[in-house]
PDB file of N, CA and C in Angstrom:
ATOM      1  N   MET A   1     -76.854 -43.944 -13.644  1.00  0.00           N
ATOM      2  CA  MET A   1     -75.999 -44.967 -14.159  1.00  0.00           C
ATOM      3  C   MET A   1     -74.769 -45.089 -13.249  1.00  0.00           C
ATOM      4  N   ILE A   2     -74.419 -46.292 -12.877  1.00  0.00           N
ATOM      5  CA  ILE A   2     -73.253 -46.546 -12.042  1.00  0.00           C
ATOM      6  C   ILE A   2     -72.041 -46.673 -12.953  1.00  0.00           C
ATOM      7  N   ILE A   3     -71.061 -45.822 -12.709  1.00  0.00           N
ATOM      8  CA  ILE A   3     -69.847 -45.841 -13.515  1.00  0.00           C
ATOM      9  C   ILE A   3     -68.787 -46.707 -12.861  1.00  0.00           C
ATOM     10  N   GLU A   4     -68.673 -46.576 -11.545  1.00  0.00           N
ATOM     11  CA  GLU A   4     -67.650 -47.313 -10.812  1.00  0.00           C
ATOM     12  C   GLU A   4     -68.163 -47.602  -9.410  1.00  0.00           C
ATOM     13  N   LYS A   5     -67.867 -48.783  -8.933  1.00  0.00           N
ATOM     14  CA  LYS A   5     -68.242 -49.156  -7.570  1.00  0.00           C
ATOM     15  C   LYS A   5     -66.962 -49.228  -6.753  1.00  0.00           C
ATOM     16  N   LYS A   6     -66.863 -48.347  -5.771  1.00  0.00           N
ATOM     17  CA  LYS A   6     -65.647 -48.247  -4.979  1.00  0.00           C
ATOM     18  C   LYS A   6     -66.040 -47.834  -3.556  1.00  0.00           C
ATOM     19  N   PRO A   7     -65.544 -48.563  -2.555  1.00  0.00           N
ATOM     20  CA  PRO A   7     -65.868 -48.170  -1.186  1.00  0.00           C
ATOM     21  C   PRO A   7     -65.187 -46.848  -0.822  1.00  0.00           C
ATOM     22  N   LEU A   8     -65.913 -45.966  -0.165  1.00  0.00           N
ATOM     23  CA  LEU A   8     -65.383 -44.670   0.249  1.00  0.00           C
ATOM     24  C   LEU A   8     -65.408 -44.553   1.764  1.00  0.00           C
ATOM     25  N   THR A   9     -64.420 -43.872   2.292  1.00  0.00           N
ATOM     26  CA  THR A   9     -64.439 -43.578   3.721  1.00  0.00           C
ATOM     27  C   THR A   9     -65.478 -42.488   3.967  1.00  0.00           C
ATOM     28  N   MET A  10     -65.827 -42.308   5.221  1.00  0.00           N
ATOM     29  CA  MET A  10     -66.782 -41.245   5.545  1.00  0.00           C
ATOM     30  C   MET A  10     -66.220 -39.879   5.157  1.00  0.00           C
ATOM     31  N   ALA A  11     -64.922 -39.667   5.367  1.00  0.00           N
ATOM     32  CA  ALA A  11     -64.300 -38.385   5.026  1.00  0.00           C
ATOM     33  C   ALA A  11     -64.359 -38.137   3.518  1.00  0.00           C
ATOM     34  N   GLN A  12     -64.106 -39.151   2.730  1.00  0.00           N
ATOM     35  CA  GLN A  12     -64.187 -39.008   1.272  1.00  0.00           C
ATOM     36  C   GLN A  12     -65.620 -38.748   0.836  1.00  0.00           C
ATOM     37  N   THR A  13     -66.566 -39.406   1.480  1.00  0.00           N
ATOM     38  CA  THR A  13     -67.977 -39.205   1.160  1.00  0.00           C
ATOM     39  C   THR A  13     -68.396 -37.771   1.477  1.00  0.00           C
ATOM     40  N   ARG A  14     -67.939 -37.258   2.630  1.00  0.00           N
ATOM     41  CA  ARG A  14     -68.262 -35.883   3.014  1.00  0.00           C
ATOM     42  C   ARG A  14     -67.739 -34.903   1.970  1.00  0.00           C
ATOM     43  N   GLU A  15     -66.516 -35.114   1.515  1.00  0.00           N
ATOM     44  CA  GLU A  15     -65.953 -34.212   0.502  1.00  0.00           C
ATOM     45  C   GLU A  15     -66.693 -34.326  -0.836  1.00  0.00           C
ATOM     46  N   LEU A  16     -67.079 -35.532  -1.195  1.00  0.00           N
ATOM     47  CA  LEU A  16     -67.836 -35.728  -2.428  1.00  0.00           C
ATOM     48  C   LEU A  16     -69.190 -35.015  -2.341  1.00  0.00           C
ATOM     49  N   LEU A  17     -69.847 -35.129  -1.208  1.00  0.00           N
ATOM     50  CA  LEU A  17     -71.149 -34.488  -1.038  1.00  0.00           C
ATOM     51  C   LEU A  17     -71.059 -32.966  -1.052  1.00  0.00           C
ATOM     52  N   SER A  18     -69.913 -32.434  -0.634  1.00  0.00           N
ATOM     53  CA  SER A  18     -69.761 -30.976  -0.594  1.00  0.00           C
ATOM     54  C   SER A  18     -69.797 -30.360  -1.993  1.00  0.00           C
ATOM     55  N   LYS A  19     -69.646 -31.181  -3.011  1.00  0.00           N
ATOM     56  CA  LYS A  19     -69.691 -30.692  -4.396  1.00  0.00           C
ATOM     57  C   LYS A  19     -71.126 -30.432  -4.865  1.00  0.00           C
ATOM     58  N   TYR A  20     -72.096 -30.949  -4.115  1.00  0.00           N
ATOM     59  CA  TYR A  20     -73.498 -30.811  -4.495  1.00  0.00           C
ATOM     60  C   TYR A  20     -74.187 -29.824  -3.572  1.00  0.00           C
ATOM     61  N   ASP A  21     -74.991 -28.960  -4.144  1.00  0.00           N
ATOM     62  CA  ASP A  21     -75.648 -27.915  -3.372  1.00  0.00           C
ATOM     63  C   ASP A  21     -77.125 -28.250  -3.165  1.00  0.00           C
ATOM     64  N   THR A  22     -77.369 -29.383  -2.524  1.00  0.00           N
ATOM     65  CA  THR A  22     -78.743 -29.748  -2.213  1.00  0.00           C
ATOM     66  C   THR A  22     -78.891 -29.848  -0.699  1.00  0.00           C
ATOM     67  N   GLU A  23     -80.092 -29.715  -0.252  1.00  0.00           N
ATOM     68  CA  GLU A  23     -80.354 -29.790   1.189  1.00  0.00           C
ATOM     69  C   GLU A  23     -79.984 -31.164   1.739  1.00  0.00           C
ATOM     70  N   LYS A  24     -80.305 -32.205   0.992  1.00  0.00           N
ATOM     71  CA  LYS A  24     -80.016 -33.576   1.426  1.00  0.00           C
ATOM     72  C   LYS A  24     -78.504 -33.805   1.549  1.00  0.00           C
ATOM     73  N   SER A  25     -77.729 -33.326   0.575  1.00  0.00           N
ATOM     74  CA  SER A  25     -76.276 -33.520   0.640  1.00  0.00           C
ATOM     75  C   SER A  25     -75.671 -32.717   1.789  1.00  0.00           C
ATOM     76  N   LYS A  26     -76.197 -31.531   2.057  1.00  0.00           N
ATOM     77  CA  LYS A  26     -75.701 -30.717   3.177  1.00  0.00           C
ATOM     78  C   LYS A  26     -76.005 -31.386   4.513  1.00  0.00           C
ATOM     79  N   MET A  27     -77.199 -31.928   4.649  1.00  0.00           N
ATOM     80  CA  MET A  27     -77.577 -32.603   5.888  1.00  0.00           C
ATOM     81  C   MET A  27     -76.732 -33.863   6.107  1.00  0.00           C
ATOM     82  N   THR A  28     -76.541 -34.621   5.048  1.00  0.00           N
ATOM     83  CA  THR A  28     -75.741 -35.847   5.145  1.00  0.00           C
ATOM     84  C   THR A  28     -74.295 -35.514   5.481  1.00  0.00           C
ATOM     85  N   SER A  29     -73.760 -34.495   4.851  1.00  0.00           N
ATOM     86  CA  SER A  29     -72.386 -34.066   5.109  1.00  0.00           C
ATOM     87  C   SER A  29     -72.218 -33.606   6.556  1.00  0.00           C
ATOM     88  N   ALA A  30     -73.185 -32.863   7.068  1.00  0.00           N
ATOM     89  CA  ALA A  30     -73.134 -32.405   8.461  1.00  0.00           C
ATOM     90  C   ALA A  30     -73.199 -33.588   9.424  1.00  0.00           C
ATOM     91  N   PHE A  31     -74.005 -34.592   9.097  1.00  0.00           N
ATOM     92  CA  PHE A  31     -74.111 -35.786   9.930  1.00  0.00           C
ATOM     93  C   PHE A  31     -72.788 -36.549   9.945  1.00  0.00           C
ATOM     94  N   ILE A  32     -72.197 -36.730   8.787  1.00  0.00           N
ATOM     95  CA  ILE A  32     -70.928 -37.456   8.681  1.00  0.00           C
ATOM     96  C   ILE A  32     -69.828 -36.720   9.441  1.00  0.00           C
ATOM     97  N   LYS A  33     -69.860 -35.399   9.400  1.00  0.00           N
ATOM     98  CA  LYS A  33     -68.830 -34.589  10.060  1.00  0.00           C
ATOM     99  C   LYS A  33     -68.762 -34.868  11.566  1.00  0.00           C
ATOM    100  N   LYS A  34     -69.868 -35.296  12.146  1.00  0.00           N
ATOM    101  CA  LYS A  34     -69.905 -35.612  13.581  1.00  0.00           C
ATOM    102  C   LYS A  34     -69.051 -36.832  13.907  1.00  0.00           C
ATOM    103  N   PHE A  35     -68.812 -37.682  12.914  1.00  0.00           N
ATOM    104  CA  PHE A  35     -68.158 -38.962  13.159  1.00  0.00           C
ATOM    105  C   PHE A  35     -66.727 -39.053  12.664  1.00  0.00           C
ATOM    106  N   THR A  36     -66.272 -38.104  11.901  1.00  0.00           N
ATOM    107  CA  THR A  36     -64.900 -38.174  11.401  1.00  0.00           C
ATOM    108  C   THR A  36     -64.253 -36.803  11.437  1.00  0.00           C
ATOM    109  N   LYS A  37     -63.024 -36.784  11.856  1.00  0.00           N
ATOM    110  CA  LYS A  37     -62.258 -35.539  11.898  1.00  0.00           C
ATOM    111  C   LYS A  37     -61.214 -35.499  10.785  1.00  0.00           C
ATOM    112  N   LEU A  38     -61.106 -36.586  10.021  1.00  0.00           N
ATOM    113  CA  LEU A  38     -60.141 -36.663   8.935  1.00  0.00           C
ATOM    114  C   LEU A  38     -60.640 -35.912   7.708  1.00  0.00           C
ATOM    115  N   SER A  39     -59.709 -35.394   6.951  1.00  0.00           N
ATOM    116  CA  SER A  39     -60.067 -34.856   5.633  1.00  0.00           C
ATOM    117  C   SER A  39     -60.085 -36.023   4.652  1.00  0.00           C
ATOM    118  N   GLY A  40     -60.653 -35.814   3.506  1.00  0.00           N
ATOM    119  CA  GLY A  40     -60.674 -36.859   2.489  1.00  0.00           C
ATOM    120  C   GLY A  40     -59.265 -37.252   2.077  1.00  0.00           C
ATOM    121  N   GLU A  41     -58.378 -36.269   2.012  1.00  0.00           N
ATOM    122  CA  GLU A  41     -56.986 -36.523   1.631  1.00  0.00           C
ATOM    123  C   GLU A  41     -56.273 -37.368   2.695  1.00  0.00           C
ATOM    124  N   GLU A  42     -56.486 -37.034   3.972  1.00  0.00           N
ATOM    125  CA  GLU A  42     -55.880 -37.816   5.057  1.00  0.00           C
ATOM    126  C   GLU A  42     -56.405 -39.253   5.052  1.00  0.00           C
ATOM    127  N   ALA A  43     -57.707 -39.388   4.863  1.00  0.00           N
ATOM    128  CA  ALA A  43     -58.316 -40.719   4.836  1.00  0.00           C
ATOM    129  C   ALA A  43     -57.764 -41.548   3.685  1.00  0.00           C
ATOM    130  N   GLU A  44     -57.610 -40.920   2.538  1.00  0.00           N
ATOM    131  CA  GLU A  44     -57.076 -41.641   1.376  1.00  0.00           C
ATOM    132  C   GLU A  44     -55.626 -42.063   1.615  1.00  0.00           C
ATOM    133  N   LYS A  45     -54.849 -41.202   2.253  1.00  0.00           N
ATOM    134  CA  LYS A  45     -53.448 -41.533   2.546  1.00  0.00           C
ATOM    135  C   LYS A  45     -53.364 -42.727   3.506  1.00  0.00           C
ATOM    136  N   ILE A  46     -54.194 -42.730   4.537  1.00  0.00           N
ATOM    137  CA  ILE A  46     -54.209 -43.841   5.492  1.00  0.00           C
ATOM    138  C   ILE A  46     -54.658 -45.121   4.795  1.00  0.00           C
ATOM    139  N   PHE A  47     -55.697 -45.016   3.975  1.00  0.00           N
ATOM    140  CA  PHE A  47     -56.173 -46.171   3.200  1.00  0.00           C
ATOM    141  C   PHE A  47     -55.048 -46.735   2.331  1.00  0.00           C
ATOM    142  N   ASP A  48     -54.346 -45.856   1.625  1.00  0.00           N
ATOM    143  CA  ASP A  48     -53.254 -46.298   0.750  1.00  0.00           C
ATOM    144  C   ASP A  48     -52.149 -46.984   1.546  1.00  0.00           C
ATOM    145  N   ASN A  49     -51.830 -46.436   2.714  1.00  0.00           N
ATOM    146  CA  ASN A  49     -50.799 -47.053   3.554  1.00  0.00           C
ATOM    147  C   ASN A  49     -51.237 -48.431   4.049  1.00  0.00           C
ATOM    148  N   LEU A  50     -52.512 -48.572   4.384  1.00  0.00           N
ATOM    149  CA  LEU A  50     -53.025 -49.879   4.798  1.00  0.00           C
ATOM    150  C   LEU A  50     -52.993 -50.862   3.623  1.00  0.00           C
ATOM    151  N   LYS A  51     -53.334 -50.375   2.466  1.00  0.00           N
ATOM    152  CA  LYS A  51     -53.345 -51.218   1.263  1.00  0.00           C
ATOM    153  C   LYS A  51     -51.937 -51.739   0.953  1.00  0.00           C
ATOM    154  N   LYS A  52     -50.924 -50.915   1.207  1.00  0.00           N
ATOM    155  CA  LYS A  52     -49.539 -51.306   0.948  1.00  0.00           C
ATOM    156  C   LYS A  52     -49.080 -52.453   1.841  1.00  0.00           C
ATOM    157  N   LEU A  53     -49.802 -52.699   2.926  1.00  0.00           N
ATOM    158  CA  LEU A  53     -49.449 -53.812   3.803  1.00  0.00           C
ATOM    159  C   LEU A  53     -49.707 -55.161   3.130  1.00  0.00           C
ATOM    160  N   ASN A  54     -50.526 -55.161   2.089  1.00  0.00           N
ATOM    161  CA  ASN A  54     -50.857 -56.382   1.332  1.00  0.00           C
ATOM    162  C   ASN A  54     -51.405 -57.494   2.226  1.00  0.00           C
ATOM    163  N   LEU A  55     -52.332 -57.134   3.088  1.00  0.00           N
ATOM    164  CA  LEU A  55     -52.960 -58.132   3.952  1.00  0.00           C
ATOM    165  C   LEU A  55     -54.056 -58.819   3.157  1.00  0.00           C
ATOM    166  N   GLU A  56     -53.805 -60.059   2.773  1.00  0.00           N
ATOM    167  CA  GLU A  56     -54.718 -60.785   1.896  1.00  0.00           C
ATOM    168  C   GLU A  56     -56.085 -61.019   2.527  1.00  0.00           C
ATOM    169  N   LYS A  57     -56.147 -61.020   3.847  1.00  0.00           N
ATOM    170  CA  LYS A  57     -57.414 -61.271   4.538  1.00  0.00           C
ATOM    171  C   LYS A  57     -58.374 -60.090   4.416  1.00  0.00           C
ATOM    172  N   LEU A  58     -57.831 -58.906   4.147  1.00  0.00           N
ATOM    173  CA  LEU A  58     -58.648 -57.698   4.155  1.00  0.00           C
ATOM    174  C   LEU A  58     -58.928 -57.176   2.748  1.00  0.00           C
ATOM    175  N   LYS A  59     -60.204 -56.932   2.489  1.00  0.00           N
ATOM    176  CA  LYS A  59     -60.636 -56.338   1.224  1.00  0.00           C
ATOM    177  C   LYS A  59     -60.642 -54.818   1.391  1.00  0.00           C
ATOM    178  N   ASP A  60     -60.855 -54.113   0.300  1.00  0.00           N
ATOM    179  CA  ASP A  60     -60.933 -52.651   0.364  1.00  0.00           C
ATOM    180  C   ASP A  60     -62.021 -52.186   1.333  1.00  0.00           C
ATOM    181  N   GLU A  61     -63.139 -52.900   1.355  1.00  0.00           N
ATOM    182  CA  GLU A  61     -64.240 -52.548   2.257  1.00  0.00           C
ATOM    183  C   GLU A  61     -63.795 -52.625   3.716  1.00  0.00           C
ATOM    184  N   ASP A  62     -62.959 -53.602   4.038  1.00  0.00           N
ATOM    185  CA  ASP A  62     -62.445 -53.752   5.401  1.00  0.00           C
ATOM    186  C   ASP A  62     -61.486 -52.617   5.746  1.00  0.00           C
ATOM    187  N   LEU A  63     -60.663 -52.246   4.786  1.00  0.00           N
ATOM    188  CA  LEU A  63     -59.721 -51.147   5.007  1.00  0.00           C
ATOM    189  C   LEU A  63     -60.462 -49.830   5.235  1.00  0.00           C
ATOM    190  N   VAL A  64     -61.562 -49.638   4.522  1.00  0.00           N
ATOM    191  CA  VAL A  64     -62.381 -48.441   4.706  1.00  0.00           C
ATOM    192  C   VAL A  64     -62.942 -48.399   6.130  1.00  0.00           C
ATOM    193  N   LYS A  65     -63.394 -49.539   6.630  1.00  0.00           N
ATOM    194  CA  LYS A  65     -63.893 -49.602   8.009  1.00  0.00           C
ATOM    195  C   LYS A  65     -62.807 -49.203   8.994  1.00  0.00           C
ATOM    196  N   ILE A  66     -61.603 -49.684   8.761  1.00  0.00           N
ATOM    197  CA  ILE A  66     -60.485 -49.341   9.647  1.00  0.00           C
ATOM    198  C   ILE A  66     -60.250 -47.838   9.636  1.00  0.00           C
ATOM    199  N   VAL A  67     -60.242 -47.236   8.447  1.00  0.00           N
ATOM    200  CA  VAL A  67     -60.020 -45.791   8.337  1.00  0.00           C
ATOM    201  C   VAL A  67     -61.156 -45.024   9.006  1.00  0.00           C
ATOM    202  N   ASP A  68     -62.387 -45.469   8.829  1.00  0.00           N
ATOM    203  CA  ASP A  68     -63.524 -44.780   9.436  1.00  0.00           C
ATOM    204  C   ASP A  68     -63.483 -44.811  10.955  1.00  0.00           C
ATOM    205  N   PHE A  69     -63.096 -45.935  11.522  1.00  0.00           N
ATOM    206  CA  PHE A  69     -63.089 -46.070  12.981  1.00  0.00           C
ATOM    207  C   PHE A  69     -61.766 -45.659  13.617  1.00  0.00           C
ATOM    208  N   MET A  70     -60.670 -45.684  12.853  1.00  0.00           N
ATOM    209  CA  MET A  70     -59.343 -45.307  13.343  1.00  0.00           C
ATOM    210  C   MET A  70     -59.044 -45.903  14.724  1.00  0.00           C
ATOM    211  N   PRO A  71     -59.013 -47.237  14.813  1.00  0.00           N
ATOM    212  CA  PRO A  71     -58.773 -47.879  16.112  1.00  0.00           C
ATOM    213  C   PRO A  71     -57.390 -47.515  16.668  1.00  0.00           C
ATOM    214  N   ASP A  72     -57.320 -47.370  17.990  1.00  0.00           N
ATOM    215  CA  ASP A  72     -56.037 -47.014  18.599  1.00  0.00           C
ATOM    216  C   ASP A  72     -55.450 -48.149  19.435  1.00  0.00           C
ATOM    217  N   ASP A  73     -56.177 -49.260  19.525  1.00  0.00           N
ATOM    218  CA  ASP A  73     -55.635 -50.432  20.217  1.00  0.00           C
ATOM    219  C   ASP A  73     -56.195 -51.702  19.582  1.00  0.00           C
ATOM    220  N   SER A  74     -55.609 -52.831  19.967  1.00  0.00           N
ATOM    221  CA  SER A  74     -55.976 -54.100  19.325  1.00  0.00           C
ATOM    222  C   SER A  74     -57.431 -54.483  19.598  1.00  0.00           C
ATOM    223  N   ASP A  75     -57.946 -54.184  20.781  1.00  0.00           N
ATOM    224  CA  ASP A  75     -59.345 -54.504  21.073  1.00  0.00           C
ATOM    225  C   ASP A  75     -60.296 -53.739  20.161  1.00  0.00           C
ATOM    226  N   SER A  76     -60.013 -52.463  19.959  1.00  0.00           N
ATOM    227  CA  SER A  76     -60.850 -51.649  19.074  1.00  0.00           C
ATOM    228  C   SER A  76     -60.798 -52.170  17.640  1.00  0.00           C
ATOM    229  N   LEU A  77     -59.629 -52.590  17.219  1.00  0.00           N
ATOM    230  CA  LEU A  77     -59.489 -53.132  15.866  1.00  0.00           C
ATOM    231  C   LEU A  77     -60.262 -54.437  15.726  1.00  0.00           C
ATOM    232  N   ARG A  78     -60.155 -55.303  16.703  1.00  0.00           N
ATOM    233  CA  ARG A  78     -60.874 -56.584  16.642  1.00  0.00           C
ATOM    234  C   ARG A  78     -62.387 -56.379  16.627  1.00  0.00           C
ATOM    235  N   LYS A  79     -62.881 -55.367  17.332  1.00  0.00           N
ATOM    236  CA  LYS A  79     -64.326 -55.106  17.379  1.00  0.00           C
ATOM    237  C   LYS A  79     -64.888 -54.754  16.006  1.00  0.00           C
ATOM    238  N   ILE A  80     -64.069 -54.155  15.169  1.00  0.00           N
ATOM    239  CA  ILE A  80     -64.515 -53.804  13.819  1.00  0.00           C
ATOM    240  C   ILE A  80     -64.932 -55.060  13.056  1.00  0.00           C
ATOM    241  N   PHE A  81     -64.240 -56.165  13.329  1.00  0.00           N
ATOM    242  CA  PHE A  81     -64.487 -57.401  12.588  1.00  0.00           C
ATOM    243  C   PHE A  81     -65.278 -58.433  13.383  1.00  0.00           C
ATOM    244  N   THR A  82     -65.901 -58.013  14.469  1.00  0.00           N
ATOM    245  CA  THR A  82     -66.746 -58.931  15.229  1.00  0.00           C
ATOM    246  C   THR A  82     -67.883 -59.411  14.334  1.00  0.00           C
ATOM    247  N   GLY A  83     -68.051 -60.694  14.270  1.00  0.00           N
ATOM    248  CA  GLY A  83     -69.105 -61.263  13.433  1.00  0.00           C
ATOM    249  C   GLY A  83     -68.643 -61.569  12.019  1.00  0.00           C
ATOM    250  N   ALA A  84     -67.519 -61.010  11.639  1.00  0.00           N
ATOM    251  CA  ALA A  84     -66.968 -61.296  10.306  1.00  0.00           C
ATOM    252  C   ALA A  84     -66.018 -62.485  10.428  1.00  0.00           C
ATOM    253  N   ASP A  85     -65.769 -63.100   9.324  1.00  0.00           N
ATOM    254  CA  ASP A  85     -64.884 -64.266   9.320  1.00  0.00           C
ATOM    255  C   ASP A  85     -63.447 -63.825   9.041  1.00  0.00           C
ATOM    256  N   ILE A  86     -62.977 -62.837   9.843  1.00  0.00           N
ATOM    257  CA  ILE A  86     -61.636 -62.299   9.673  1.00  0.00           C
ATOM    258  C   ILE A  86     -60.904 -62.418  11.001  1.00  0.00           C
ATOM    259  N   SER A  87     -59.788 -63.085  10.959  1.00  0.00           N
ATOM    260  CA  SER A  87     -58.957 -63.251  12.145  1.00  0.00           C
ATOM    261  C   SER A  87     -57.557 -62.756  11.819  1.00  0.00           C
ATOM    262  N   LEU A  88     -57.145 -61.693  12.497  1.00  0.00           N
ATOM    263  CA  LEU A  88     -55.845 -61.097  12.223  1.00  0.00           C
ATOM    264  C   LEU A  88     -54.798 -61.617  13.201  1.00  0.00           C
ATOM    265  N   GLU A  89     -53.602 -61.824  12.689  1.00  0.00           N
ATOM    266  CA  GLU A  89     -52.475 -62.212  13.530  1.00  0.00           C
ATOM    267  C   GLU A  89     -51.975 -60.972  14.278  1.00  0.00           C
ATOM    268  N   GLN A  90     -51.255 -61.185  15.367  1.00  0.00           N
ATOM    269  CA  GLN A  90     -50.781 -60.064  16.171  1.00  0.00           C
ATOM    270  C   GLN A  90     -49.861 -59.131  15.373  1.00  0.00           C
ATOM    271  N   ASP A  91     -49.004 -59.680  14.525  1.00  0.00           N
ATOM    272  CA  ASP A  91     -48.117 -58.818  13.735  1.00  0.00           C
ATOM    273  C   ASP A  91     -48.899 -57.967  12.735  1.00  0.00           C
ATOM    274  N   GLU A  92     -49.995 -58.508  12.205  1.00  0.00           N
ATOM    275  CA  GLU A  92     -50.850 -57.736  11.300  1.00  0.00           C
ATOM    276  C   GLU A  92     -51.541 -56.608  12.060  1.00  0.00           C
ATOM    277  N   ILE A  93     -52.010 -56.917  13.249  1.00  0.00           N
ATOM    278  CA  ILE A  93     -52.653 -55.903  14.092  1.00  0.00           C
ATOM    279  C   ILE A  93     -51.671 -54.787  14.417  1.00  0.00           C
ATOM    280  N   THR A  94     -50.460 -55.153  14.760  1.00  0.00           N
ATOM    281  CA  THR A  94     -49.426 -54.173  15.095  1.00  0.00           C
ATOM    282  C   THR A  94     -49.148 -53.245  13.913  1.00  0.00           C
ATOM    283  N   LYS A  95     -49.035 -53.815  12.717  1.00  0.00           N
ATOM    284  CA  LYS A  95     -48.770 -53.009  11.520  1.00  0.00           C
ATOM    285  C   LYS A  95     -49.919 -52.040  11.239  1.00  0.00           C
ATOM    286  N   ILE A  96     -51.144 -52.507  11.392  1.00  0.00           N
ATOM    287  CA  ILE A  96     -52.310 -51.655  11.158  1.00  0.00           C
ATOM    288  C   ILE A  96     -52.337 -50.513  12.170  1.00  0.00           C
ATOM    289  N   LEU A  97     -52.115 -50.841  13.433  1.00  0.00           N
ATOM    290  CA  LEU A  97     -52.156 -49.818  14.485  1.00  0.00           C
ATOM    291  C   LEU A  97     -51.032 -48.802  14.348  1.00  0.00           C
ATOM    292  N   GLU A  98     -49.892 -49.216  13.819  1.00  0.00           N
ATOM    293  CA  GLU A  98     -48.806 -48.262  13.569  1.00  0.00           C
ATOM    294  C   GLU A  98     -49.277 -47.183  12.587  1.00  0.00           C
ATOM    295  N   ILE A  99     -50.066 -47.579  11.635  1.00  0.00           N
ATOM    296  CA  ILE A  99     -50.570 -46.630  10.637  1.00  0.00           C
ATOM    297  C   ILE A  99     -51.686 -45.761  11.219  1.00  0.00           C
ATOM    298  N   THR A 100     -52.652 -46.387  11.888  1.00  0.00           N
ATOM    299  CA  THR A 100     -53.788 -45.605  12.389  1.00  0.00           C
ATOM    300  C   THR A 100     -53.398 -44.692  13.558  1.00  0.00           C
ATOM    301  N   ASN A 101     -52.371 -45.052  14.281  1.00  0.00           N
ATOM    302  CA  ASN A 101     -51.953 -44.200  15.403  1.00  0.00           C
ATOM    303  C   ASN A 101     -51.060 -43.049  14.993  1.00  0.00           C
ATOM    304  N   LYS A 102     -50.617 -43.042  13.741  1.00  0.00           N
ATOM    305  CA  LYS A 102     -49.806 -41.913  13.241  1.00  0.00           C
ATOM    306  C   LYS A 102     -50.650 -40.667  13.047  1.00  0.00           C
ATOM    307  N   LYS A 103     -51.870 -40.872  12.571  1.00  0.00           N
ATOM    308  CA  LYS A 103     -52.799 -39.796  12.234  1.00  0.00           C
ATOM    309  C   LYS A 103     -52.014 -38.570  11.902  1.00  0.00           C
TER     310      LYS A 103
END
């Protein structure tokens, strides 16, 4: 039964999976660990800071992508939204990068 539908970062997913002692959850957690160095707490803090920017163009799912990829320049950030109908202004890009570059 689905109780709540909420996008999770890879770091949050890894921490959630660590609560389960199954072979599948261990394998998935190990795979995710290859792609993210953030803890679930760090990822949530970055997500919250991005959310506080109140960028109407970006949904929670988009913010999760930003946290997962942690872009360090404007080109990397734009690549996340290639193919999507999202166009960010330079000041929005600057604000996002200020947050992701703090790590």
